[in-house]
Every structure is written in structure tokens, then in C-alpha cells.
C-alpha atoms as a PDB file:
ATOM      1  CA  UNK A   1     178.115  45.854  32.018  1.00  0.00           C
ATOM      2  CA  UNK A   2     176.274  42.590  31.756  1.00  0.00           C
ATOM      3  CA  UNK A   3     177.207  39.343  29.981  1.00  0.00           C
ATOM      4  CA  UNK A   4     175.240  38.009  27.034  1.00  0.00           C
ATOM      5  CA  UNK A   5     173.677  35.404  29.281  1.00  0.00           C
ATOM      6  CA  UNK A   6     172.662  37.945  31.860  1.00  0.00           C
ATOM      7  CA  UNK A   7     171.228  40.156  29.153  1.00  0.00           C
ATOM      8  CA  UNK A   8     169.141  37.196  27.813  1.00  0.00           C
ATOM      9  CA  UNK A   9     167.848  36.464  31.349  1.00  0.00           C
ATOM     10  CA  UNK A  10     166.885  40.132  31.846  1.00  0.00           C
ATOM     11  CA  UNK A  11     165.132  40.250  28.514  1.00  0.00           C
ATOM     12  CA  UNK A  12     163.283  37.073  29.290  1.00  0.00           C
ATOM     13  CA  UNK A  13     162.102  38.448  32.640  1.00  0.00           C
ATOM     14  CA  UNK A  14     161.105  41.683  31.017  1.00  0.00           C
ATOM     15  CA  UNK A  15     158.981  39.741  28.478  1.00  0.00           C
ATOM     16  CA  UNK A  16     157.367  37.705  31.347  1.00  0.00           C
ATOM     17  CA  UNK A  17     156.491  40.947  33.076  1.00  0.00           C
ATOM     18  CA  UNK A  18     155.136  42.477  29.853  1.00  0.00           C
ATOM     19  CA  UNK A  19     157.676  45.346  29.914  1.00  0.00           C
ATOM     20  CA  UNK A  20     159.508  46.387  26.777  1.00  0.00           C
ATOM     21  CA  UNK A  21     161.380  49.451  28.129  1.00  0.00           C
ATOM     22  CA  UNK A  22     164.645  48.325  29.795  1.00  0.00           C
ATOM     23  CA  UNK A  23     165.031  51.552  31.776  1.00  0.00           C
ATOM     24  CA  UNK A  24     161.519  51.192  33.236  1.00  0.00           C
ATOM     25  CA  UNK A  25     162.197  47.609  34.141  1.00  0.00           C
ATOM     26  CA  UNK A  26     165.533  48.421  35.865  1.00  0.00           C
ATOM     27  CA  UNK A  27     163.892  51.337  37.815  1.00  0.00           C
ATOM     28  CA  UNK A  28     161.051  49.133  38.901  1.00  0.00           C
ATOM     29  CA  UNK A  29     163.364  46.322  40.038  1.00  0.00           C
ATOM     30  CA  UNK A  30     165.742  48.717  41.786  1.00  0.00           C
ATOM     31  CA  UNK A  31     162.972  50.433  43.684  1.00  0.00           C
ATOM     32  CA  UNK A  32     160.670  47.495  44.511  1.00  0.00           C
ATOM     33  CA  UNK A  33     162.713  44.380  43.909  1.00  0.00           C
ATOM     34  CA  UNK A  34     159.838  42.756  42.041  1.00  0.00           C
ATOM     35  CA  UNK A  35     157.269  43.347  39.350  1.00  0.00           C
ATOM     36  CA  UNK A  36     153.669  42.225  39.729  1.00  0.00           C
ATOM     37  CA  UNK A  37     152.121  41.400  36.319  1.00  0.00           C
ATOM     38  CA  UNK A  38     148.361  40.860  36.616  1.00  0.00           C
ATOM     39  CA  UNK A  39     146.124  39.611  33.837  1.00  0.00           C
ATOM     40  CA  UNK A  40     142.940  41.720  34.169  1.00  0.00           C
ATOM     41  CA  UNK A  41     140.939  39.936  31.419  1.00  0.00           C
ATOM     42  CA  UNK A  42     138.646  38.194  33.995  1.00  0.00           C
ATOM     43  CA  UNK A  43     138.017  41.557  35.690  1.00  0.00           C
ATOM     44  CA  UNK A  44     137.137  43.124  32.341  1.00  0.00           C
ATOM     45  CA  UNK A  45     134.666  40.295  31.743  1.00  0.00           C
ATOM     46  CA  UNK A  46     133.086  40.884  35.156  1.00  0.00           C
ATOM     47  CA  UNK A  47     132.693  44.566  34.403  1.00  0.00           C
ATOM     48  CA  UNK A  48     131.006  43.729  31.129  1.00  0.00           C
ATOM     49  CA  UNK A  49     128.661  41.272  32.861  1.00  0.00           C
ATOM     50  CA  UNK A  50     127.857  43.870  35.499  1.00  0.00           C
ATOM     51  CA  UNK A  51     126.992  46.510  32.907  1.00  0.00           C
ATOM     52  CA  UNK A  52     124.719  44.119  31.117  1.00  0.00           C
ATOM     53  CA  UNK A  53     122.979  43.136  34.359  1.00  0.00           C
ATOM     54  CA  UNK A  54     122.563  46.812  35.348  1.00  0.00           C
ATOM     55  CA  UNK A  55     121.181  47.582  31.887  1.00  0.00           C
ATOM     56  CA  UNK A  56     118.757  44.699  32.084  1.00  0.00           C
ATOM     57  CA  UNK A  57     117.624  45.728  35.509  1.00  0.00           C
ATOM     58  CA  UNK A  58     117.003  49.266  34.281  1.00  0.00           C
ATOM     59  CA  UNK A  59     114.940  48.035  31.400  1.00  0.00           C
ATOM     60  CA  UNK A  60     112.855  45.788  33.700  1.00  0.00           C
ATOM     61  CA  UNK A  61     112.349  48.772  36.061  1.00  0.00           C
ATOM     62  CA  UNK A  62     111.167  50.984  33.151  1.00  0.00           C
ATOM     63  CA  UNK A  63     108.903  48.227  31.929  1.00  0.00           C
ATOM     64  CA  UNK A  64     107.521  47.491  35.432  1.00  0.00           C
ATOM     65  CA  UNK A  65     106.672  51.100  35.980  1.00  0.00           C
ATOM     66  CA  UNK A  66     104.838  51.232  32.660  1.00  0.00           C
ATOM     67  CA  UNK A  67     103.236  47.843  32.272  1.00  0.00           C
ATOM     68  CA  UNK A  68     104.004  45.661  35.341  1.00  0.00           C
ATOM     69  CA  UNK A  69     106.504  42.870  35.859  1.00  0.00           C
ATOM     70  CA  UNK A  70     106.626  39.638  33.892  1.00  0.00           C
ATOM     71  CA  UNK A  71     108.042  36.501  35.554  1.00  0.00           C
ATOM     72  CA  UNK A  72     110.223  35.678  32.538  1.00  0.00           C
ATOM     73  CA  UNK A  73     111.948  39.003  32.849  1.00  0.00           C
ATOM     74  CA  UNK A  74     112.736  38.363  36.497  1.00  0.00           C
ATOM     75  CA  UNK A  75     113.989  34.838  35.608  1.00  0.00           C
ATOM     76  CA  UNK A  76     116.305  36.344  33.006  1.00  0.00           C
ATOM     77  CA  UNK A  77     117.727  38.773  35.546  1.00  0.00           C
ATOM     78  CA  UNK A  78     118.253  35.943  38.014  1.00  0.00           C
ATOM     79  CA  UNK A  79     120.196  33.954  35.359  1.00  0.00           C
ATOM     80  CA  UNK A  80     122.323  36.997  34.578  1.00  0.00           C
ATOM     81  CA  UNK A  81     123.145  37.593  38.269  1.00  0.00           C
ATOM     82  CA  UNK A  82     123.903  33.897  38.797  1.00  0.00           C
ATOM     83  CA  UNK A  83     126.355  34.038  35.906  1.00  0.00           C
ATOM     84  CA  UNK A  84     127.902  37.268  37.254  1.00  0.00           C
ATOM     85  CA  UNK A  85     128.399  35.890  40.774  1.00  0.00           C
ATOM     86  CA  UNK A  86     129.757  32.613  39.395  1.00  0.00           C
ATOM     87  CA  UNK A  87     132.450  34.607  37.572  1.00  0.00           C
ATOM     88  CA  UNK A  88     133.066  36.808  40.677  1.00  0.00           C
ATOM     89  CA  UNK A  89     133.638  33.576  42.632  1.00  0.00           C
ATOM     90  CA  UNK A  90     136.051  32.277  39.971  1.00  0.00           C
ATOM     91  CA  UNK A  91     138.064  35.516  39.928  1.00  0.00           C
ATOM     92  CA  UNK A  92     138.259  35.587  43.741  1.00  0.00           C
ATOM     93  CA  UNK A  93     139.462  32.003  43.758  1.00  0.00           C
ATOM     94  CA  UNK A  94     142.223  32.816  41.284  1.00  0.00           C
ATOM     95  CA  UNK A  95     143.254  35.888  43.267  1.00  0.00           C
ATOM     96  CA  UNK A  96     143.420  33.850  46.498  1.00  0.00           C
ATOM     97  CA  UNK A  97     145.787  31.465  44.735  1.00  0.00           C
ATOM     98  CA  UNK A  98     148.062  34.365  43.868  1.00  0.00           C
ATOM     99  CA  UNK A  99     148.041  35.559  47.452  1.00  0.00           C
ATOM    100  CA  UNK A 100     149.015  32.101  48.760  1.00  0.00           C
ATOM    101  CA  UNK A 101     152.167  32.023  46.625  1.00  0.00           C
END
């Protein structure tokens, strides 16, 4: 049995971890002693950017095989990849902060 204050603390920690099932929370805590809650929104954004870059690269390859390569297409690809690698750097920086804790 837990007190009302203890129950409130448990529910608060469950909410912080993004878990709504008390049994699942208790099992996780009993087995591991901690819950790692990771926001994957930046990773989803990276995957989206990577898909767009891959699609653009494929379009340029098809065009290059048919008509040759235009400098503005290459410049567009370079901008896309710079943006992608900038976001990769941001995500890696955030992940390294989590590891340092």
C-alpha cells in the first residue's frame, strides 16, 4: 500500500516518462531501476531530410543520364546535404549532453 503523497509522486514520474500503465511502470522500475524516455522528434526530422536528399539525388542521376548535369541542381543538392549534416550535428550534440548526465 502507498500513501496518497507516494501515489502522487508515482503518477508524476509516470507522466514524466510518458507511461500511462501503472503495472508496466512498476515492472520497468523493478527490473531496471530507471526509465529512459527519449524524444525522437529530431531523429524523425533527420530521416525525413535524408529521404528528401536521396530522392533529389536520384532525380539528378536520372536527369544526368538523360540530359547531362546542371550546376544549379548540384548546388541544390549541396544545400540539402549541408542542412542534413547541420541537423545531424545538432542531434549528436544533444545526445552527447544526455550521456554526460
